[in-house]
N, C-alpha and C. Protein backbone atom coordinates (compact mmCIF):
# COMPACT_ATOMS: atom_id res chain seq x y z
N MET A 1 148.42 -150.07 68.19
CA MET A 1 147.71 -149.28 67.20
C MET A 1 146.20 -149.55 67.24
N LYS A 2 145.74 -150.04 68.40
CA LYS A 2 144.32 -150.30 68.52
C LYS A 2 143.51 -149.01 68.39
N TRP A 3 144.03 -147.90 68.95
CA TRP A 3 143.30 -146.64 68.86
C TRP A 3 143.15 -146.20 67.42
N TRP A 4 144.15 -146.51 66.58
CA TRP A 4 144.08 -146.12 65.16
C TRP A 4 142.96 -146.89 64.47
N ASN A 5 142.85 -148.18 64.77
CA ASN A 5 141.77 -148.98 64.17
C ASN A 5 140.41 -148.49 64.64
N ASN A 6 140.31 -148.13 65.91
CA ASN A 6 139.05 -147.59 66.42
C ASN A 6 138.70 -146.27 65.73
N PHE A 7 139.71 -145.45 65.52
CA PHE A 7 139.48 -144.17 64.85
C PHE A 7 139.02 -144.38 63.41
N LEU A 8 139.64 -145.30 62.70
CA LEU A 8 139.25 -145.57 61.32
C LEU A 8 137.84 -146.15 61.25
N ARG A 9 137.51 -147.00 62.20
CA ARG A 9 136.15 -147.56 62.24
C ARG A 9 135.13 -146.44 62.51
N TYR A 10 135.49 -145.54 63.41
CA TYR A 10 134.63 -144.40 63.70
C TYR A 10 134.39 -143.56 62.44
N LEU A 11 135.45 -143.28 61.68
CA LEU A 11 135.31 -142.50 60.45
C LEU A 11 134.43 -143.21 59.43
N ARG A 12 134.55 -144.53 59.32
CA ARG A 12 133.70 -145.28 58.39
C ARG A 12 132.24 -145.20 58.81
N GLU A 13 131.99 -145.28 60.12
CA GLU A 13 130.62 -145.19 60.62
C GLU A 13 130.04 -143.80 60.39
N VAL A 14 130.87 -142.78 60.54
CA VAL A 14 130.43 -141.42 60.28
C VAL A 14 130.04 -141.27 58.81
N LYS A 15 130.83 -141.83 57.93
CA LYS A 15 130.54 -141.76 56.50
C LYS A 15 129.22 -142.43 56.17
N VAL A 16 128.95 -143.58 56.78
CA VAL A 16 127.69 -144.29 56.56
C VAL A 16 126.52 -143.44 57.05
N GLU A 17 126.66 -142.85 58.23
CA GLU A 17 125.58 -142.04 58.79
C GLU A 17 125.34 -140.77 57.96
N LEU A 18 126.40 -140.17 57.45
CA LEU A 18 126.23 -138.97 56.64
C LEU A 18 125.50 -139.26 55.34
N LYS A 19 125.60 -140.46 54.82
CA LYS A 19 124.86 -140.83 53.62
C LYS A 19 123.36 -140.88 53.87
N LYS A 20 122.95 -141.05 55.14
CA LYS A 20 121.54 -141.13 55.50
C LYS A 20 120.89 -139.75 55.66
N VAL A 21 121.71 -138.71 55.73
CA VAL A 21 121.19 -137.36 55.97
C VAL A 21 120.45 -136.86 54.73
N VAL A 22 119.25 -136.33 54.96
CA VAL A 22 118.46 -135.75 53.87
C VAL A 22 118.28 -134.27 54.17
N LEU A 23 118.75 -133.42 53.28
CA LEU A 23 118.61 -131.99 53.47
C LEU A 23 117.22 -131.55 53.04
N PRO A 24 116.61 -130.60 53.75
CA PRO A 24 115.27 -130.15 53.38
C PRO A 24 115.29 -129.34 52.09
N ASP A 25 114.15 -129.34 51.41
CA ASP A 25 114.07 -128.51 50.21
C ASP A 25 113.92 -127.04 50.62
N SER A 26 114.05 -126.16 49.68
CA SER A 26 114.07 -124.73 49.96
C SER A 26 112.76 -124.25 50.59
N LYS A 27 111.64 -124.76 50.12
CA LYS A 27 110.34 -124.32 50.61
C LYS A 27 110.15 -124.69 52.08
N SER A 28 110.45 -125.91 52.45
CA SER A 28 110.27 -126.31 53.85
C SER A 28 111.30 -125.62 54.75
N LEU A 29 112.48 -125.35 54.23
CA LEU A 29 113.50 -124.65 55.01
C LEU A 29 113.04 -123.23 55.34
N TRP A 30 112.49 -122.52 54.33
CA TRP A 30 111.99 -121.17 54.58
C TRP A 30 110.79 -121.19 55.51
N GLY A 31 109.93 -122.20 55.38
CA GLY A 31 108.79 -122.32 56.28
C GLY A 31 109.22 -122.52 57.72
N SER A 32 110.18 -123.39 57.93
CA SER A 32 110.69 -123.63 59.28
C SER A 32 111.37 -122.38 59.85
N THR A 33 112.11 -121.69 59.00
CA THR A 33 112.78 -120.46 59.43
C THR A 33 111.76 -119.42 59.85
N LEU A 34 110.69 -119.28 59.08
CA LEU A 34 109.65 -118.31 59.40
C LEU A 34 108.98 -118.66 60.73
N VAL A 35 108.71 -119.94 60.97
CA VAL A 35 108.11 -120.37 62.23
C VAL A 35 109.02 -120.02 63.40
N VAL A 36 110.31 -120.27 63.27
CA VAL A 36 111.26 -119.96 64.34
C VAL A 36 111.29 -118.46 64.61
N ILE A 37 111.30 -117.65 63.58
CA ILE A 37 111.34 -116.19 63.76
C ILE A 37 110.07 -115.69 64.44
N VAL A 38 108.90 -116.16 63.98
CA VAL A 38 107.63 -115.72 64.56
C VAL A 38 107.52 -116.14 66.02
N VAL A 39 107.86 -117.38 66.33
CA VAL A 39 107.78 -117.87 67.71
C VAL A 39 108.77 -117.10 68.60
N SER A 40 109.94 -116.80 68.09
CA SER A 40 110.92 -116.03 68.86
C SER A 40 110.41 -114.63 69.17
N ILE A 41 109.79 -114.00 68.21
CA ILE A 41 109.24 -112.65 68.43
C ILE A 41 108.11 -112.71 69.46
N ILE A 42 107.22 -113.67 69.32
CA ILE A 42 106.10 -113.79 70.26
C ILE A 42 106.62 -114.04 71.67
N LEU A 43 107.55 -114.97 71.83
CA LEU A 43 108.11 -115.25 73.16
C LEU A 43 108.85 -114.04 73.73
N GLY A 44 109.54 -113.31 72.88
CA GLY A 44 110.23 -112.11 73.34
C GLY A 44 109.26 -111.07 73.87
N VAL A 45 108.14 -110.89 73.18
CA VAL A 45 107.12 -109.93 73.62
C VAL A 45 106.49 -110.40 74.93
N VAL A 46 106.17 -111.70 75.03
CA VAL A 46 105.56 -112.22 76.25
C VAL A 46 106.51 -112.10 77.44
N ILE A 47 107.75 -112.50 77.27
CA ILE A 47 108.73 -112.41 78.36
C ILE A 47 108.99 -110.95 78.73
N GLY A 48 109.07 -110.08 77.73
CA GLY A 48 109.26 -108.65 78.01
C GLY A 48 108.07 -108.08 78.77
N GLY A 49 106.85 -108.51 78.41
CA GLY A 49 105.66 -108.06 79.13
C GLY A 49 105.66 -108.51 80.58
N PHE A 50 106.01 -109.77 80.82
CA PHE A 50 106.09 -110.26 82.19
C PHE A 50 107.17 -109.52 82.97
N ASP A 51 108.29 -109.26 82.34
CA ASP A 51 109.37 -108.54 83.01
C ASP A 51 108.91 -107.14 83.40
N LEU A 52 108.25 -106.46 82.49
CA LEU A 52 107.74 -105.11 82.78
C LEU A 52 106.72 -105.16 83.92
N LEU A 53 105.82 -106.11 83.87
CA LEU A 53 104.79 -106.25 84.90
C LEU A 53 105.41 -106.52 86.27
N ILE A 54 106.33 -107.45 86.33
CA ILE A 54 106.96 -107.80 87.60
C ILE A 54 107.78 -106.63 88.13
N SER A 55 108.49 -105.92 87.26
CA SER A 55 109.27 -104.77 87.74
C SER A 55 108.36 -103.67 88.25
N LYS A 56 107.20 -103.45 87.64
CA LYS A 56 106.25 -102.45 88.14
C LYS A 56 105.70 -102.87 89.50
N ILE A 57 105.40 -104.15 89.66
CA ILE A 57 104.88 -104.65 90.95
C ILE A 57 105.92 -104.48 92.04
N PHE A 58 107.17 -104.85 91.76
CA PHE A 58 108.22 -104.68 92.76
C PHE A 58 108.46 -103.21 93.04
N GLY A 59 108.33 -102.36 92.03
CA GLY A 59 108.50 -100.92 92.21
C GLY A 59 107.46 -100.35 93.16
N ILE A 60 106.24 -100.85 93.10
CA ILE A 60 105.17 -100.39 93.99
C ILE A 60 105.50 -100.75 95.43
N PHE A 61 105.98 -101.97 95.66
CA PHE A 61 106.24 -102.44 97.01
C PHE A 61 107.53 -101.91 97.62
N THR A 62 108.46 -101.45 96.80
CA THR A 62 109.75 -101.03 97.33
C THR A 62 109.88 -99.53 97.47
N ARG A 63 108.83 -98.79 97.24
CA ARG A 63 108.90 -97.33 97.38
C ARG A 63 108.93 -96.92 98.81
């Protein structure tokens, strides 16, 4: 039953670690969410622009 003792010890350690978790307040959560959305939009536009540019360049050479 050594595996059972290891499992119980693991669960106790998980419980201790979960007590250390601090959830963000609503204001900082919304701020972080806004940053993620804005950065995602910016990166999407930049990657889309590069994709369009590269496809136009390849289109010129492959005609």
